[in-house]
């Protein structure tokens, strides 16, 4: 029974990291690039407004950071649950 609860705890941690990553990605890609674009239009960055920058570059950069965060966090979770390589 301990093996099943350990497996459930591992997958719960895995799903939690995935959901957090998806929420962060959604906020930066959809939220700042589309919904908040008019509010961010007065802030200039790199010669263009911040809303346009998030829609074109920012969401991609956040996605790349999330890839590294996910790999780092899952390595820690794998080690905690004894399923690391």
N, C-alpha and C. Protein backbone atom coordinates (compact mmCIF):
# COMPACT_ATOMS: atom_id res chain seq x y z
N UNK A 1 0.82 -1.20 0.00
CA UNK A 1 0.00 0.00 0.00
C UNK A 1 0.86 1.26 0.00
N UNK A 2 2.03 1.22 0.65
CA UNK A 2 2.91 2.38 0.68
C UNK A 2 3.41 2.72 -0.71
N UNK A 3 3.60 1.68 -1.53
CA UNK A 3 4.08 1.91 -2.89
C UNK A 3 3.03 2.69 -3.70
N UNK A 4 1.76 2.35 -3.52
CA UNK A 4 0.68 3.05 -4.24
C UNK A 4 0.55 4.49 -3.76
N UNK A 5 0.67 4.74 -2.47
CA UNK A 5 0.56 6.12 -1.98
C UNK A 5 1.76 6.95 -2.43
N UNK A 6 2.93 6.32 -2.52
CA UNK A 6 4.12 7.01 -3.03
C UNK A 6 3.94 7.38 -4.50
N UNK A 7 3.36 6.44 -5.25
CA UNK A 7 3.09 6.69 -6.67
C UNK A 7 2.07 7.81 -6.83
N UNK A 8 1.04 7.81 -6.00
CA UNK A 8 0.03 8.86 -6.06
C UNK A 8 0.63 10.22 -5.69
N UNK A 9 1.51 10.25 -4.70
CA UNK A 9 2.15 11.51 -4.30
C UNK A 9 3.05 12.02 -5.42
N UNK A 10 3.74 11.12 -6.09
CA UNK A 10 4.59 11.51 -7.21
C UNK A 10 3.77 12.15 -8.32
N UNK A 11 2.68 11.50 -8.71
CA UNK A 11 1.87 12.03 -9.80
C UNK A 11 1.15 13.30 -9.40
N UNK A 12 0.77 13.41 -8.14
CA UNK A 12 0.14 14.65 -7.67
C UNK A 12 1.13 15.81 -7.78
N UNK A 13 2.38 15.57 -7.39
CA UNK A 13 3.41 16.61 -7.52
C UNK A 13 3.66 16.94 -8.98
N UNK A 14 3.70 15.93 -9.83
CA UNK A 14 3.91 16.12 -11.26
C UNK A 14 2.78 16.97 -11.87
N UNK A 15 1.55 16.62 -11.56
CA UNK A 15 0.40 17.36 -12.09
C UNK A 15 0.39 18.80 -11.56
N UNK A 16 0.78 18.99 -10.31
CA UNK A 16 0.83 20.33 -9.72
C UNK A 16 1.82 21.21 -10.48
N UNK A 17 3.00 20.68 -10.79
CA UNK A 17 4.01 21.45 -11.53
C UNK A 17 3.49 21.77 -12.94
N UNK A 18 2.84 20.82 -13.58
CA UNK A 18 2.30 21.05 -14.92
C UNK A 18 1.23 22.13 -14.89
N UNK A 19 0.32 22.06 -13.92
CA UNK A 19 -0.75 23.06 -13.84
C UNK A 19 -0.21 24.45 -13.55
N UNK A 20 0.75 24.55 -12.65
CA UNK A 20 1.36 25.85 -12.36
C UNK A 20 2.03 26.41 -13.61
N UNK A 21 2.74 25.57 -14.32
CA UNK A 21 3.42 26.01 -15.55
C UNK A 21 2.41 26.46 -16.60
N UNK A 22 1.32 25.73 -16.75
CA UNK A 22 0.31 26.11 -17.73
C UNK A 22 -0.38 27.43 -17.37
N UNK A 23 -0.64 27.64 -16.09
CA UNK A 23 -1.26 28.90 -15.67
C UNK A 23 -0.32 30.07 -15.94
N UNK A 24 0.96 29.92 -15.61
CA UNK A 24 1.93 30.98 -15.86
C UNK A 24 2.02 31.26 -17.36
N UNK A 25 2.09 30.22 -18.16
CA UNK A 25 2.17 30.39 -19.61
C UNK A 25 0.92 31.07 -20.15
N UNK A 26 -0.26 30.68 -19.66
CA UNK A 26 -1.51 31.29 -20.10
C UNK A 26 -1.54 32.78 -19.75
N UNK A 27 -1.16 33.11 -18.53
CA UNK A 27 -1.19 34.52 -18.10
C UNK A 27 -0.28 35.36 -18.98
N UNK A 28 0.91 34.86 -19.27
CA UNK A 28 1.84 35.67 -20.06
C UNK A 28 1.51 35.67 -21.55
N UNK A 29 1.01 34.56 -22.09
CA UNK A 29 0.74 34.54 -23.53
C UNK A 29 -0.62 35.15 -23.85
N UNK A 30 -1.65 34.73 -23.18
CA UNK A 30 -3.00 35.21 -23.48
C UNK A 30 -3.32 36.48 -22.71
N UNK A 31 -2.99 36.48 -21.44
CA UNK A 31 -3.34 37.61 -20.59
C UNK A 31 -2.64 38.89 -20.99
N UNK A 32 -1.31 38.87 -21.00
CA UNK A 32 -0.57 40.10 -21.30
C UNK A 32 -0.54 40.41 -22.79
N UNK A 33 -0.57 39.40 -23.63
CA UNK A 33 -0.48 39.63 -25.07
C UNK A 33 -1.79 40.01 -25.71
N UNK A 34 -2.92 39.61 -25.12
CA UNK A 34 -4.22 39.88 -25.76
C UNK A 34 -5.12 40.72 -24.86
N UNK A 35 -5.40 40.22 -23.65
CA UNK A 35 -6.35 40.89 -22.77
C UNK A 35 -5.80 42.22 -22.24
N UNK A 36 -4.58 42.22 -21.76
CA UNK A 36 -4.00 43.43 -21.17
C UNK A 36 -3.24 44.29 -22.18
N UNK A 37 -3.27 43.94 -23.44
CA UNK A 37 -2.51 44.70 -24.43
C UNK A 37 -2.87 46.18 -24.46
N UNK A 38 -4.15 46.55 -24.44
CA UNK A 38 -4.45 47.98 -24.44
C UNK A 38 -3.91 48.71 -23.20
N UNK A 39 -3.93 48.06 -22.05
CA UNK A 39 -3.43 48.69 -20.83
C UNK A 39 -1.91 48.82 -20.85
N UNK A 40 -1.24 47.92 -21.55
CA UNK A 40 0.22 47.93 -21.60
C UNK A 40 0.76 48.74 -22.78
N UNK A 41 -0.13 49.30 -23.59
CA UNK A 41 0.33 49.97 -24.81
C UNK A 41 1.09 51.25 -24.55
N UNK A 42 0.93 51.87 -23.38
CA UNK A 42 1.65 53.11 -23.09
C UNK A 42 3.06 52.91 -22.59
N UNK A 43 3.43 51.68 -22.30
CA UNK A 43 4.76 51.37 -21.77
C UNK A 43 5.65 50.91 -22.93
N UNK A 44 6.74 51.64 -23.15
CA UNK A 44 7.62 51.31 -24.28
C UNK A 44 8.76 50.40 -23.84
N UNK A 45 9.05 49.41 -24.68
CA UNK A 45 10.20 48.52 -24.45
C UNK A 45 10.75 48.14 -25.83
N UNK A 46 12.01 48.35 -26.02
CA UNK A 46 12.65 47.99 -27.28
C UNK A 46 12.06 48.68 -28.50
N UNK A 47 11.56 49.90 -28.35
CA UNK A 47 11.02 50.63 -29.47
C UNK A 47 9.57 50.32 -29.80
N UNK A 48 8.92 49.46 -29.02
CA UNK A 48 7.52 49.13 -29.25
C UNK A 48 6.80 49.08 -27.90
N UNK A 49 5.49 48.98 -27.94
CA UNK A 49 4.77 48.95 -26.67
C UNK A 49 4.85 47.58 -26.01
N UNK A 50 4.69 47.56 -24.71
CA UNK A 50 4.89 46.34 -23.92
C UNK A 50 3.89 45.24 -24.28
N UNK A 51 2.64 45.60 -24.58
CA UNK A 51 1.65 44.59 -24.98
C UNK A 51 2.04 43.86 -26.24
N UNK A 52 2.51 44.60 -27.23
CA UNK A 52 2.96 43.98 -28.48
C UNK A 52 4.19 43.11 -28.22
N UNK A 53 5.11 43.60 -27.36
CA UNK A 53 6.32 42.84 -27.06
C UNK A 53 5.97 41.51 -26.41
N UNK A 54 5.03 41.50 -25.45
CA UNK A 54 4.63 40.25 -24.81
C UNK A 54 3.98 39.31 -25.82
N UNK A 55 3.18 39.86 -26.73
CA UNK A 55 2.51 39.01 -27.71
C UNK A 55 3.53 38.39 -28.67
N UNK A 56 4.58 39.12 -29.02
CA UNK A 56 5.53 38.64 -30.02
C UNK A 56 6.74 37.92 -29.43
N UNK A 57 7.29 38.43 -28.35
CA UNK A 57 8.53 37.89 -27.81
C UNK A 57 8.39 37.36 -26.39
N UNK A 58 7.69 38.10 -25.56
CA UNK A 58 7.63 37.77 -24.14
C UNK A 58 7.06 36.41 -23.84
N UNK A 59 5.98 36.04 -24.51
CA UNK A 59 5.38 34.73 -24.23
C UNK A 59 6.31 33.60 -24.65
N UNK A 60 7.07 33.79 -25.70
CA UNK A 60 8.03 32.77 -26.13
C UNK A 60 9.16 32.63 -25.11
N UNK A 61 9.66 33.77 -24.63
CA UNK A 61 10.73 33.73 -23.62
C UNK A 61 10.24 33.10 -22.32
N UNK A 62 9.02 33.43 -21.91
CA UNK A 62 8.45 32.82 -20.71
C UNK A 62 8.32 31.32 -20.91
N UNK A 63 7.91 30.88 -22.08
CA UNK A 63 7.78 29.45 -22.36
C UNK A 63 9.14 28.75 -22.25
N UNK A 64 10.19 29.37 -22.77
CA UNK A 64 11.52 28.77 -22.67
C UNK A 64 11.98 28.69 -21.22
N UNK A 65 11.72 29.73 -20.44
CA UNK A 65 12.05 29.70 -19.00
C UNK A 65 11.27 28.59 -18.31
N UNK A 66 9.99 28.43 -18.67
CA UNK A 66 9.17 27.38 -18.07
C UNK A 66 9.69 25.98 -18.40
N UNK A 67 10.25 25.80 -19.58
CA UNK A 67 10.83 24.50 -19.93
C UNK A 67 11.97 24.16 -18.97
N UNK A 68 12.85 25.13 -18.73
CA UNK A 68 13.96 24.88 -17.81
C UNK A 68 13.48 24.71 -16.37
N UNK A 69 12.46 25.50 -15.97
CA UNK A 69 11.89 25.35 -14.63
C UNK A 69 11.29 23.96 -14.46
N UNK A 70 10.54 23.50 -15.46
CA UNK A 70 9.91 22.19 -15.38
C UNK A 70 10.96 21.08 -15.26
N UNK A 71 12.00 21.16 -16.07
CA UNK A 71 13.06 20.14 -16.00
C UNK A 71 13.75 20.15 -14.64
N UNK A 72 14.07 21.33 -14.13
CA UNK A 72 14.72 21.44 -12.81
C UNK A 72 13.81 20.91 -11.71
N UNK A 73 12.54 21.33 -11.72
CA UNK A 73 11.62 20.92 -10.65
C UNK A 73 11.31 19.43 -10.73
N UNK A 74 11.15 18.88 -11.92
CA UNK A 74 10.86 17.46 -12.04
C UNK A 74 12.07 16.61 -11.63
N UNK A 75 13.28 17.09 -11.87
CA UNK A 75 14.45 16.37 -11.38
C UNK A 75 14.44 16.31 -9.86
N UNK A 76 14.06 17.41 -9.20
CA UNK A 76 13.96 17.41 -7.75
C UNK A 76 12.86 16.47 -7.26
N UNK A 77 11.71 16.50 -7.93
CA UNK A 77 10.60 15.62 -7.54
C UNK A 77 10.98 14.16 -7.77
N UNK A 78 11.64 13.87 -8.88
CA UNK A 78 12.09 12.51 -9.15
C UNK A 78 13.03 12.02 -8.04
N UNK A 79 13.95 12.87 -7.62
CA UNK A 79 14.90 12.50 -6.56
C UNK A 79 14.19 12.29 -5.23
N UNK A 80 13.21 13.14 -4.94
CA UNK A 80 12.45 13.01 -3.69
C UNK A 80 11.67 11.71 -3.62
N UNK A 81 11.19 11.23 -4.76
CA UNK A 81 10.37 10.02 -4.80
C UNK A 81 11.14 8.78 -5.25
N UNK A 82 12.44 8.93 -5.42
CA UNK A 82 13.28 7.78 -5.73
C UNK A 82 13.12 7.23 -7.13
N UNK A 83 12.72 8.05 -8.08
CA UNK A 83 12.58 7.59 -9.45
C UNK A 83 13.54 8.34 -10.38
N UNK A 84 14.58 8.93 -9.80
CA UNK A 84 15.53 9.66 -10.63
C UNK A 84 16.46 8.69 -11.36
N UNK A 85 17.16 9.21 -12.33
CA UNK A 85 18.00 8.38 -13.18
C UNK A 85 19.29 8.03 -12.50
